[in-house]
PDB file of all heavy atoms in Angstrom:
ATOM      1  N   ALA A   1     -22.389 -10.862 -28.967  1.00  0.00           N
ATOM      2  CA  ALA A   1     -21.139 -11.610 -28.838  1.00  0.00           C
ATOM      3  C   ALA A   1     -20.639 -11.526 -27.401  1.00  0.00           C
ATOM      4  O   ALA A   1     -20.560 -10.442 -26.819  1.00  0.00           O
ATOM      5  CB  ALA A   1     -20.090 -11.096 -29.784  1.00  0.00           C
ATOM      6  N   VAL A   2     -20.304 -12.687 -26.845  1.00  0.00           N
ATOM      7  CA  VAL A   2     -19.634 -12.761 -25.513  1.00  0.00           C
ATOM      8  C   VAL A   2     -18.136 -12.939 -25.646  1.00  0.00           C
ATOM      9  O   VAL A   2     -17.377 -12.287 -24.952  1.00  0.00           O
ATOM     10  CB  VAL A   2     -20.271 -13.919 -24.716  1.00  0.00           C
ATOM     11  CG1 VAL A   2     -19.559 -14.088 -23.380  1.00  0.00           C
ATOM     12  CG2 VAL A   2     -21.780 -13.663 -24.485  1.00  0.00           C
ATOM     13  N   PHE A   3     -17.743 -13.852 -26.542  1.00  0.00           N
ATOM     14  CA  PHE A   3     -16.347 -14.133 -26.810  1.00  0.00           C
ATOM     15  C   PHE A   3     -16.212 -14.533 -28.253  1.00  0.00           C
ATOM     16  O   PHE A   3     -17.008 -15.280 -28.784  1.00  0.00           O
ATOM     17  CB  PHE A   3     -15.805 -15.254 -25.901  1.00  0.00           C
ATOM     18  CG  PHE A   3     -14.429 -15.700 -26.290  1.00  0.00           C
ATOM     19  CD1 PHE A   3     -13.323 -15.006 -25.804  1.00  0.00           C
ATOM     20  CD2 PHE A   3     -14.256 -16.764 -27.120  1.00  0.00           C
ATOM     21  CE1 PHE A   3     -12.028 -15.398 -26.202  1.00  0.00           C
ATOM     22  CE2 PHE A   3     -12.979 -17.180 -27.491  1.00  0.00           C
ATOM     23  CZ  PHE A   3     -11.877 -16.473 -27.026  1.00  0.00           C
ATOM     24  N   CYS A   4     -15.107 -14.082 -28.909  1.00  0.00           N
ATOM     25  CA  CYS A   4     -14.810 -14.495 -30.296  1.00  0.00           C
ATOM     26  C   CYS A   4     -13.311 -14.728 -30.415  1.00  0.00           C
ATOM     27  O   CYS A   4     -12.515 -14.039 -29.754  1.00  0.00           O
ATOM     28  CB  CYS A   4     -15.235 -13.430 -31.303  1.00  0.00           C
ATOM     29  SG  CYS A   4     -16.974 -12.971 -31.217  1.00  0.00           S
ATOM     30  N   ILE A   5     -12.933 -15.662 -31.278  1.00  0.00           N
ATOM     31  CA  ILE A   5     -11.542 -15.969 -31.505  1.00  0.00           C
ATOM     32  C   ILE A   5     -11.322 -16.313 -32.975  1.00  0.00           C
ATOM     33  O   ILE A   5     -12.160 -16.928 -33.596  1.00  0.00           O
ATOM     34  CB  ILE A   5     -11.067 -17.122 -30.597  1.00  0.00           C
ATOM     35  CG1 ILE A   5      -9.530 -17.316 -30.670  1.00  0.00           C
ATOM     36  CG2 ILE A   5     -11.814 -18.424 -30.908  1.00  0.00           C
ATOM     37  CD1 ILE A   5      -8.983 -18.243 -29.610  1.00  0.00           C
ATOM     38  N   SER A   6     -10.164 -15.891 -33.494  1.00  0.00           N
ATOM     39  CA  SER A   6      -9.850 -16.131 -34.898  1.00  0.00           C
ATOM     40  C   SER A   6      -9.450 -17.591 -35.087  1.00  0.00           C
ATOM     41  O   SER A   6      -9.140 -18.315 -34.125  1.00  0.00           O
ATOM     42  CB  SER A   6      -8.718 -15.222 -35.360  1.00  0.00           C
ATOM     43  OG  SER A   6      -7.530 -15.446 -34.605  1.00  0.00           O
ATOM     44  N   ASP A   7      -9.417 -18.027 -36.334  1.00  0.00           N
ATOM     45  CA  ASP A   7      -9.008 -19.391 -36.663  1.00  0.00           C
ATOM     46  C   ASP A   7      -7.610 -19.689 -36.151  1.00  0.00           C
ATOM     47  O   ASP A   7      -7.323 -20.781 -35.665  1.00  0.00           O
ATOM     48  CB  ASP A   7      -9.129 -19.607 -38.165  1.00  0.00           C
ATOM     49  CG  ASP A   7      -8.688 -21.002 -38.580  1.00  0.00           C
ATOM     50  OD1 ASP A   7      -9.181 -21.995 -37.998  1.00  0.00           O
ATOM     51  OD2 ASP A   7      -7.855 -21.102 -39.496  1.00  0.00           O
ATOM     52  N   THR A   8      -6.726 -18.704 -36.263  1.00  0.00           N
ATOM     53  CA  THR A   8      -5.343 -18.893 -35.843  1.00  0.00           C
ATOM     54  C   THR A   8      -5.201 -18.868 -34.322  1.00  0.00           C
ATOM     55  O   THR A   8      -4.191 -19.355 -33.813  1.00  0.00           O
ATOM     56  CB  THR A   8      -4.436 -17.797 -36.413  1.00  0.00           C
ATOM     57  OG1 THR A   8      -4.831 -16.516 -35.924  1.00  0.00           O
ATOM     58  CG2 THR A   8      -4.489 -17.800 -37.942  1.00  0.00           C
ATOM     59  N   GLY A   9      -6.161 -18.310 -33.635  1.00  0.00           N
ATOM     60  CA  GLY A   9      -6.074 -18.157 -32.198  1.00  0.00           C
ATOM     61  C   GLY A   9      -5.276 -16.934 -31.752  1.00  0.00           C
ATOM     62  O   GLY A   9      -5.073 -16.717 -30.563  1.00  0.00           O
ATOM     63  N   ASN A  10      -4.797 -16.128 -32.692  1.00  0.00           N
ATOM     64  CA  ASN A  10      -3.969 -14.994 -32.366  1.00  0.00           C
ATOM     65  C   ASN A  10      -4.746 -13.767 -31.946  1.00  0.00           C
ATOM     66  O   ASN A  10      -4.160 -12.847 -31.366  1.00  0.00           O
ATOM     67  CB  ASN A  10      -3.091 -14.624 -33.557  1.00  0.00           C
ATOM     68  CG  ASN A  10      -2.032 -15.644 -33.861  1.00  0.00           C
ATOM     69  OD1 ASN A  10      -1.614 -16.386 -32.953  1.00  0.00           O
ATOM     70  ND2 ASN A  10      -1.587 -15.721 -35.100  1.00  0.00           N
ATOM     71  N   ASN A  11      -6.044 -13.702 -32.237  1.00  0.00           N
ATOM     72  CA  ASN A  11      -6.857 -12.555 -31.938  1.00  0.00           C
ATOM     73  C   ASN A  11      -8.138 -12.985 -31.221  1.00  0.00           C
ATOM     74  O   ASN A  11      -8.826 -13.895 -31.716  1.00  0.00           O
ATOM     75  CB  ASN A  11      -7.197 -11.770 -33.197  1.00  0.00           C
ATOM     76  CG  ASN A  11      -5.947 -11.148 -33.829  1.00  0.00           C
ATOM     77  OD1 ASN A  11      -5.421 -10.158 -33.329  1.00  0.00           O
ATOM     78  ND2 ASN A  11      -5.514 -11.734 -34.918  1.00  0.00           N
ATOM     79  N   THR A  12      -8.450 -12.308 -30.113  1.00  0.00           N
ATOM     80  CA  THR A  12      -9.633 -12.654 -29.314  1.00  0.00           C
ATOM     81  C   THR A  12     -10.382 -11.397 -28.933  1.00  0.00           C
ATOM     82  O   THR A  12      -9.849 -10.294 -28.919  1.00  0.00           O
ATOM     83  CB  THR A  12      -9.248 -13.429 -28.048  1.00  0.00           C
ATOM     84  OG1 THR A  12      -8.373 -12.624 -27.229  1.00  0.00           O
ATOM     85  CG2 THR A  12      -8.548 -14.709 -28.405  1.00  0.00           C
ATOM     86  N   TYR A  13     -11.665 -11.608 -28.585  1.00  0.00           N
ATOM     87  CA  TYR A  13     -12.529 -10.528 -28.117  1.00  0.00           C
ATOM     88  C   TYR A  13     -13.361 -11.057 -26.950  1.00  0.00           C
ATOM     89  O   TYR A  13     -13.943 -12.137 -27.014  1.00  0.00           O
ATOM     90  CB  TYR A  13     -13.441 -10.080 -29.236  1.00  0.00           C
ATOM     91  CG  TYR A  13     -14.626  -9.240 -28.773  1.00  0.00           C
ATOM     92  CD1 TYR A  13     -14.480  -7.872 -28.645  1.00  0.00           C
ATOM     93  CD2 TYR A  13     -15.855  -9.799 -28.477  1.00  0.00           C
ATOM     94  CE1 TYR A  13     -15.552  -7.071 -28.219  1.00  0.00           C
ATOM     95  CE2 TYR A  13     -16.905  -9.050 -28.039  1.00  0.00           C
ATOM     96  CZ  TYR A  13     -16.752  -7.682 -27.912  1.00  0.00           C
ATOM     97  OH  TYR A  13     -17.812  -6.900 -27.504  1.00  0.00           O
ATOM     98  N   TYR A  14     -13.385 -10.276 -25.862  1.00  0.00           N
ATOM     99  CA  TYR A  14     -14.330 -10.490 -24.760  1.00  0.00           C
ATOM    100  C   TYR A  14     -15.243  -9.299 -24.666  1.00  0.00           C
ATOM    101  O   TYR A  14     -14.745  -8.143 -24.707  1.00  0.00           O
ATOM    102  CB  TYR A  14     -13.605 -10.664 -23.426  1.00  0.00           C
ATOM    103  CG  TYR A  14     -12.916 -12.005 -23.217  1.00  0.00           C
ATOM    104  CD1 TYR A  14     -11.565 -12.187 -23.513  1.00  0.00           C
ATOM    105  CD2 TYR A  14     -13.636 -13.073 -22.690  1.00  0.00           C
ATOM    106  CE1 TYR A  14     -10.960 -13.413 -23.319  1.00  0.00           C
ATOM    107  CE2 TYR A  14     -13.032 -14.294 -22.470  1.00  0.00           C
ATOM    108  CZ  TYR A  14     -11.685 -14.466 -22.773  1.00  0.00           C
ATOM    109  OH  TYR A  14     -11.065 -15.679 -22.569  1.00  0.00           O
ATOM    110  N   ALA A  15     -16.504  -9.506 -24.517  1.00  0.00           N
ATOM    111  CA  ALA A  15     -17.429  -8.401 -24.266  1.00  0.00           C
ATOM    112  C   ALA A  15     -17.046  -7.681 -22.980  1.00  0.00           C
ATOM    113  O   ALA A  15     -16.688  -8.327 -21.994  1.00  0.00           O
ATOM    114  CB  ALA A  15     -18.858  -8.901 -24.179  1.00  0.00           C
ATOM    115  N   PRO A  16     -17.080  -6.337 -22.980  1.00  0.00           N
ATOM    116  CA  PRO A  16     -16.713  -5.629 -21.761  1.00  0.00           C
ATOM    117  C   PRO A  16     -17.500  -6.069 -20.522  1.00  0.00           C
ATOM    118  O   PRO A  16     -16.928  -6.082 -19.414  1.00  0.00           O
ATOM    119  CB  PRO A  16     -17.055  -4.160 -22.104  1.00  0.00           C
ATOM    120  CG  PRO A  16     -16.912  -4.097 -23.580  1.00  0.00           C
ATOM    121  CD  PRO A  16     -17.413  -5.433 -24.088  1.00  0.00           C
ATOM    122  N   SER A  17     -18.730  -6.502 -20.687  1.00  0.00           N
ATOM    123  CA  SER A  17     -19.540  -6.892 -19.562  1.00  0.00           C
ATOM    124  C   SER A  17     -19.097  -8.226 -18.925  1.00  0.00           C
ATOM    125  O   SER A  17     -19.479  -8.499 -17.782  1.00  0.00           O
ATOM    126  CB  SER A  17     -21.015  -6.999 -19.959  1.00  0.00           C
ATOM    127  OG  SER A  17     -21.184  -7.963 -20.989  1.00  0.00           O
ATOM    128  N   VAL A  18     -18.284  -9.031 -19.626  1.00  0.00           N
ATOM    129  CA  VAL A  18     -17.838 -10.317 -19.101  1.00  0.00           C
ATOM    130  C   VAL A  18     -16.334 -10.404 -18.922  1.00  0.00           C
ATOM    131  O   VAL A  18     -15.849 -11.387 -18.325  1.00  0.00           O
ATOM    132  CB  VAL A  18     -18.346 -11.487 -19.962  1.00  0.00           C
ATOM    133  CG1 VAL A  18     -19.827 -11.419 -20.219  1.00  0.00           C
ATOM    134  CG2 VAL A  18     -17.583 -11.528 -21.293  1.00  0.00           C
ATOM    135  N   LYS A  19     -15.604  -9.459 -19.424  1.00  0.00           N
ATOM    136  CA  LYS A  19     -14.144  -9.498 -19.352  1.00  0.00           C
ATOM    137  C   LYS A  19     -13.703  -9.582 -17.904  1.00  0.00           C
ATOM    138  O   LYS A  19     -14.169  -8.837 -17.055  1.00  0.00           O
ATOM    139  CB  LYS A  19     -13.543  -8.264 -20.029  1.00  0.00           C
ATOM    140  CG  LYS A  19     -12.047  -8.349 -20.244  1.00  0.00           C
ATOM    141  CD  LYS A  19     -11.538  -7.163 -21.018  1.00  0.00           C
ATOM    142  CE  LYS A  19     -10.059  -7.210 -21.277  1.00  0.00           C
ATOM    143  NZ  LYS A  19      -9.719  -8.350 -22.162  1.00  0.00           N
ATOM    144  N   GLY A  20     -12.803 -10.521 -17.622  1.00  0.00           N
ATOM    145  CA  GLY A  20     -12.328 -10.743 -16.276  1.00  0.00           C
ATOM    146  C   GLY A  20     -13.138 -11.783 -15.523  1.00  0.00           C
ATOM    147  O   GLY A  20     -12.700 -12.248 -14.466  1.00  0.00           O
ATOM    148  N   ARG A  21     -14.309 -12.139 -16.011  1.00  0.00           N
ATOM    149  CA  ARG A  21     -15.168 -13.145 -15.374  1.00  0.00           C
ATOM    150  C   ARG A  21     -15.304 -14.421 -16.201  1.00  0.00           C
ATOM    151  O   ARG A  21     -15.422 -15.511 -15.644  1.00  0.00           O
ATOM    152  CB  ARG A  21     -16.553 -12.567 -15.088  1.00  0.00           C
ATOM    153  CG  ARG A  21     -16.580 -11.350 -14.184  1.00  0.00           C
ATOM    154  CD  ARG A  21     -17.981 -10.962 -13.801  1.00  0.00           C
ATOM    155  NE  ARG A  21     -18.797 -10.558 -14.939  1.00  0.00           N
ATOM    156  CZ  ARG A  21     -19.908 -11.186 -15.346  1.00  0.00           C
ATOM    157  NH1 ARG A  21     -20.352 -12.254 -14.703  1.00  0.00           N
ATOM    158  NH2 ARG A  21     -20.563 -10.740 -16.396  1.00  0.00           N
ATOM    159  N   PHE A  22     -15.279 -14.292 -17.530  1.00  0.00           N
ATOM    160  CA  PHE A  22     -15.427 -15.431 -18.419  1.00  0.00           C
ATOM    161  C   PHE A  22     -14.085 -15.751 -19.061  1.00  0.00           C
ATOM    162  O   PHE A  22     -13.288 -14.832 -19.388  1.00  0.00           O
ATOM    163  CB  PHE A  22     -16.427 -15.136 -19.547  1.00  0.00           C
ATOM    164  CG  PHE A  22     -17.864 -15.059 -19.111  1.00  0.00           C
ATOM    165  CD1 PHE A  22     -18.230 -14.981 -17.755  1.00  0.00           C
ATOM    166  CD2 PHE A  22     -18.870 -15.015 -20.029  1.00  0.00           C
ATOM    167  CE1 PHE A  22     -19.547 -14.868 -17.348  1.00  0.00           C
ATOM    168  CE2 PHE A  22     -20.210 -14.899 -19.667  1.00  0.00           C
ATOM    169  CZ  PHE A  22     -20.550 -14.836 -18.319  1.00  0.00           C
ATOM    170  N   THR A  23     -13.825 -17.026 -19.282  1.00  0.00           N
ATOM    171  CA  THR A  23     -12.571 -17.471 -19.898  1.00  0.00           C
ATOM    172  C   THR A  23     -12.839 -18.581 -20.920  1.00  0.00           C
ATOM    173  O   THR A  23     -13.611 -19.486 -20.676  1.00  0.00           O
ATOM    174  CB  THR A  23     -11.601 -18.004 -18.844  1.00  0.00           C
ATOM    175  OG1 THR A  23     -11.343 -17.006 -17.857  1.00  0.00           O
ATOM    176  CG2 THR A  23     -10.261 -18.402 -19.499  1.00  0.00           C
ATOM    177  N   PHE A  24     -12.176 -18.463 -22.085  1.00  0.00           N
ATOM    178  CA  PHE A  24     -12.310 -19.447 -23.154  1.00  0.00           C
ATOM    179  C   PHE A  24     -11.162 -20.462 -23.090  1.00  0.00           C
ATOM    180  O   PHE A  24     -10.027 -20.087 -22.768  1.00  0.00           O
ATOM    181  CB  PHE A  24     -12.298 -18.724 -24.492  1.00  0.00           C
ATOM    182  CG  PHE A  24     -12.241 -19.638 -25.694  1.00  0.00           C
ATOM    183  CD1 PHE A  24     -13.416 -20.144 -26.228  1.00  0.00           C
ATOM    184  CD2 PHE A  24     -11.047 -19.976 -26.298  1.00  0.00           C
ATOM    185  CE1 PHE A  24     -13.408 -20.988 -27.339  1.00  0.00           C
ATOM    186  CE2 PHE A  24     -11.000 -20.797 -27.404  1.00  0.00           C
ATOM    187  CZ  PHE A  24     -12.188 -21.303 -27.923  1.00  0.00           C
ATOM    188  N   SER A  25     -11.465 -21.690 -23.446  1.00  0.00           N
ATOM    189  CA  SER A  25     -10.420 -22.692 -23.612  1.00  0.00           C
ATOM    190  C   SER A  25     -10.842 -23.698 -24.669  1.00  0.00           C
ATOM    191  O   SER A  25     -12.009 -23.725 -25.096  1.00  0.00           O
ATOM    192  CB  SER A  25     -10.086 -23.416 -22.315  1.00  0.00           C
ATOM    193  OG  SER A  25     -11.148 -24.248 -21.873  1.00  0.00           O
ATOM    194  N   ARG A  26      -9.903 -24.532 -25.140  1.00  0.00           N
ATOM    195  CA  ARG A  26     -10.227 -25.536 -26.133  1.00  0.00           C
ATOM    196  C   ARG A  26      -9.377 -26.780 -25.894  1.00  0.00           C
ATOM    197  O   ARG A  26      -8.287 -26.734 -25.350  1.00  0.00           O
ATOM    198  CB  ARG A  26      -9.998 -24.977 -27.536  1.00  0.00           C
ATOM    199  CG  ARG A  26      -8.538 -24.778 -27.931  1.00  0.00           C
ATOM    200  CD  ARG A  26      -8.423 -23.875 -29.138  1.00  0.00           C
ATOM    201  NE  ARG A  26      -9.265 -24.282 -30.232  1.00  0.00           N
ATOM    202  CZ  ARG A  26      -9.685 -23.492 -31.202  1.00  0.00           C
ATOM    203  NH1 ARG A  26      -9.316 -22.202 -31.214  1.00  0.00           N
ATOM    204  NH2 ARG A  26     -10.472 -23.938 -32.178  1.00  0.00           N
ATOM    205  N   ASP A  27      -9.918 -27.914 -26.320  1.00  0.00           N
ATOM    206  CA  ASP A  27      -9.213 -29.167 -26.330  1.00  0.00           C
ATOM    207  C   ASP A  27      -9.304 -29.712 -27.756  1.00  0.00           C
ATOM    208  O   ASP A  27     -10.316 -30.311 -28.136  1.00  0.00           O
ATOM    209  CB  ASP A  27      -9.861 -30.152 -25.330  1.00  0.00           C
ATOM    210  CG  ASP A  27      -9.064 -31.430 -25.162  1.00  0.00           C
ATOM    211  OD1 ASP A  27      -8.278 -31.791 -26.081  1.00  0.00           O
ATOM    212  OD2 ASP A  27      -9.189 -32.083 -24.121  1.00  0.00           O
ATOM    213  N   SER A  28      -8.277 -29.456 -28.537  1.00  0.00           N
ATOM    214  CA  SER A  28      -8.312 -29.812 -29.952  1.00  0.00           C
ATOM    215  C   SER A  28      -8.431 -31.321 -30.141  1.00  0.00           C
ATOM    216  O   SER A  28      -9.072 -31.763 -31.104  1.00  0.00           O
ATOM    217  CB  SER A  28      -7.053 -29.262 -30.647  1.00  0.00           C
ATOM    218  OG  SER A  28      -7.066 -27.858 -30.668  1.00  0.00           O
ATOM    219  N   ALA A  29      -7.829 -32.092 -29.248  1.00  0.00           N
ATOM    220  CA  ALA A  29      -7.884 -33.558 -29.388  1.00  0.00           C
ATOM    221  C   ALA A  29      -9.327 -34.056 -29.261  1.00  0.00           C
ATOM    222  O   ALA A  29      -9.682 -35.079 -29.851  1.00  0.00           O
ATOM    223  CB  ALA A  29      -7.013 -34.226 -28.349  1.00  0.00           C
ATOM    224  N   LYS A  30     -10.153 -33.353 -28.484  1.00  0.00           N
ATOM    225  CA  LYS A  30     -11.560 -33.723 -28.307  1.00  0.00           C
ATOM    226  C   LYS A  30     -12.470 -32.907 -29.198  1.00  0.00           C
ATOM    227  O   LYS A  30     -13.688 -33.101 -29.170  1.00  0.00           O
ATOM    228  CB  LYS A  30     -12.000 -33.516 -26.874  1.00  0.00           C
ATOM    229  CG  LYS A  30     -11.254 -34.409 -25.849  1.00  0.00           C
ATOM    230  CD  LYS A  30     -11.765 -34.162 -24.441  1.00  0.00           C
ATOM    231  CE  LYS A  30     -11.058 -35.080 -23.457  1.00  0.00           C
ATOM    232  NZ  LYS A  30     -11.504 -34.837 -22.068  1.00  0.00           N
ATOM    233  N   ASN A  31     -11.910 -31.999 -30.038  1.00  0.00           N
ATOM    234  CA  ASN A  31     -12.694 -31.123 -30.905  1.00  0.00           C
ATOM    235  C   ASN A  31     -13.784 -30.394 -30.141  1.00  0.00           C
ATOM    236  O   ASN A  31     -14.911 -30.308 -30.546  1.00  0.00           O
ATOM    237  CB  ASN A  31     -13.305 -31.923 -32.069  1.00  0.00           C
ATOM    238  CG  ASN A  31     -13.448 -31.093 -33.315  1.00  0.00           C
ATOM    239  OD1 ASN A  31     -12.694 -30.153 -33.570  1.00  0.00           O
ATOM    240  ND2 ASN A  31     -14.473 -31.421 -34.130  1.00  0.00           N
ATOM    241  N   THR A  32     -13.378 -29.830 -28.966  1.00  0.00           N
ATOM    242  CA  THR A  32     -14.296 -29.200 -28.055  1.00  0.00           C
ATOM    243  C   THR A  32     -13.784 -27.849 -27.624  1.00  0.00           C
ATOM    244  O   THR A  32     -12.591 -27.706 -27.369  1.00  0.00           O
ATOM    245  CB  THR A  32     -14.523 -30.072 -26.834  1.00  0.00           C
ATOM    246  OG1 THR A  32     -15.061 -31.363 -27.227  1.00  0.00           O
ATOM    247  CG2 THR A  32     -15.523 -29.444 -25.851  1.00  0.00           C
ATOM    248  N   VAL A  33     -14.664 -26.860 -27.524  1.00  0.00           N
ATOM    249  CA  VAL A  33     -14.344 -25.585 -26.947  1.00  0.00           C
ATOM    250  C   VAL A  33     -15.226 -25.340 -25.739  1.00  0.00           C
ATOM    251  O   VAL A  33     -16.329 -25.897 -25.600  1.00  0.00           O
ATOM    252  CB  VAL A  33     -14.505 -24.432 -27.970  1.00  0.00           C
ATOM    253  CG1 VAL A  33     -13.561 -24.620 -29.147  1.00  0.00           C
ATOM    254  CG2 VAL A  33     -15.948 -24.334 -28.465  1.00  0.00           C
ATOM    255  N   TYR A  34     -14.716 -24.510 -24.808  1.00  0.00           N
ATOM    256  CA  TYR A  34     -15.386 -24.278 -23.526  1.00  0.00           C
ATOM    257  C   TYR A  34     -15.500 -22.796 -23.235  1.00  0.00           C
ATOM    258  O   TYR A  34     -14.661 -21.985 -23.654  1.00  0.00           O
ATOM    259  CB  TYR A  34     -14.587 -24.911 -22.394  1.00  0.00           C
ATOM    260  CG  TYR A  34     -14.309 -26.385 -22.581  1.00  0.00           C
ATOM    261  CD1 TYR A  34     -13.158 -26.813 -23.223  1.00  0.00           C
ATOM    262  CD2 TYR A  34     -15.202 -27.367 -22.112  1.00  0.00           C
ATOM    263  CE1 TYR A  34     -12.883 -28.161 -23.399  1.00  0.00           C
ATOM    264  CE2 TYR A  34     -14.936 -28.700 -22.285  1.00  0.00           C
ATOM    265  CZ  TYR A  34     -13.780 -29.095 -22.923  1.00  0.00           C
ATOM    266  OH  TYR A  34     -13.519 -30.449 -23.103  1.00  0.00           O
ATOM    267  N   LEU A  35     -16.526 -22.434 -22.464  1.00  0.00           N
ATOM    268  CA  LEU A  35     -16.636 -21.104 -21.910  1.00  0.00           C
ATOM    269  C   LEU A  35     -16.811 -21.238 -20.426  1.00  0.00           C
ATOM    270  O   LEU A  35     -17.835 -21.748 -19.954  1.00  0.00           O
ATOM    271  CB  LEU A  35     -17.817 -20.347 -22.534  1.00  0.00           C
ATOM    272  CG  LEU A  35     -17.937 -18.885 -22.091  1.00  0.00           C
ATOM    273  CD1 LEU A  35     -16.791 -18.067 -22.723  1.00  0.00           C
ATOM    274  CD2 LEU A  35     -19.269 -18.286 -22.528  1.00  0.00           C
ATOM    275  N   HIS A  36     -15.783 -20.841 -19.665  1.00  0.00           N
ATOM    276  CA  HIS A  36     -15.823 -20.886 -18.225  1.00  0.00           C
ATOM    277  C   HIS A  36     -16.375 -19.580 -17.708  1.00  0.00           C
ATOM    278  O   HIS A  36     -15.786 -18.512 -17.959  1.00  0.00           O
ATOM    279  CB  HIS A  36     -14.413 -21.123 -17.664  1.00  0.00           C
ATOM    280  CG  HIS A  36     -13.718 -22.282 -18.294  1.00  0.00           C
ATOM    281  ND1 HIS A  36     -13.895 -23.583 -17.867  1.00  0.00           N
ATOM    282  CD2 HIS A  36     -12.849 -22.351 -19.349  1.00  0.00           C
ATOM    283  CE1 HIS A  36     -13.184 -24.410 -18.623  1.00  0.00           C
ATOM    284  NE2 HIS A  36     -12.516 -23.689 -19.529  1.00  0.00           N
ATOM    285  N   MET A  37     -17.455 -19.631 -16.938  1.00  0.00           N
ATOM    286  CA  MET A  37     -18.156 -18.432 -16.455  1.00  0.00           C
ATOM    287  C   MET A  37     -18.081 -18.393 -14.938  1.00  0.00           C
ATOM    288  O   MET A  37     -18.580 -19.306 -14.263  1.00  0.00           O
ATOM    289  CB  MET A  37     -19.604 -18.432 -16.940  1.00  0.00           C
ATOM    290  CG  MET A  37     -19.715 -18.590 -18.465  1.00  0.00           C
ATOM    291  SD  MET A  37     -21.462 -18.459 -19.020  1.00  0.00           S
ATOM    292  CE  MET A  37     -22.152 -19.901 -18.207  1.00  0.00           C
TER     293      MET A  37
END
């Protein structure tokens, strides 16, 4: 696992090896999620 997020979006996890370097985002209108590295 690199990143995980709950259905509600209230709880997230970043792997220690990527924390601070990778960022998650989403565009619900486009039904798309992103991982910025």
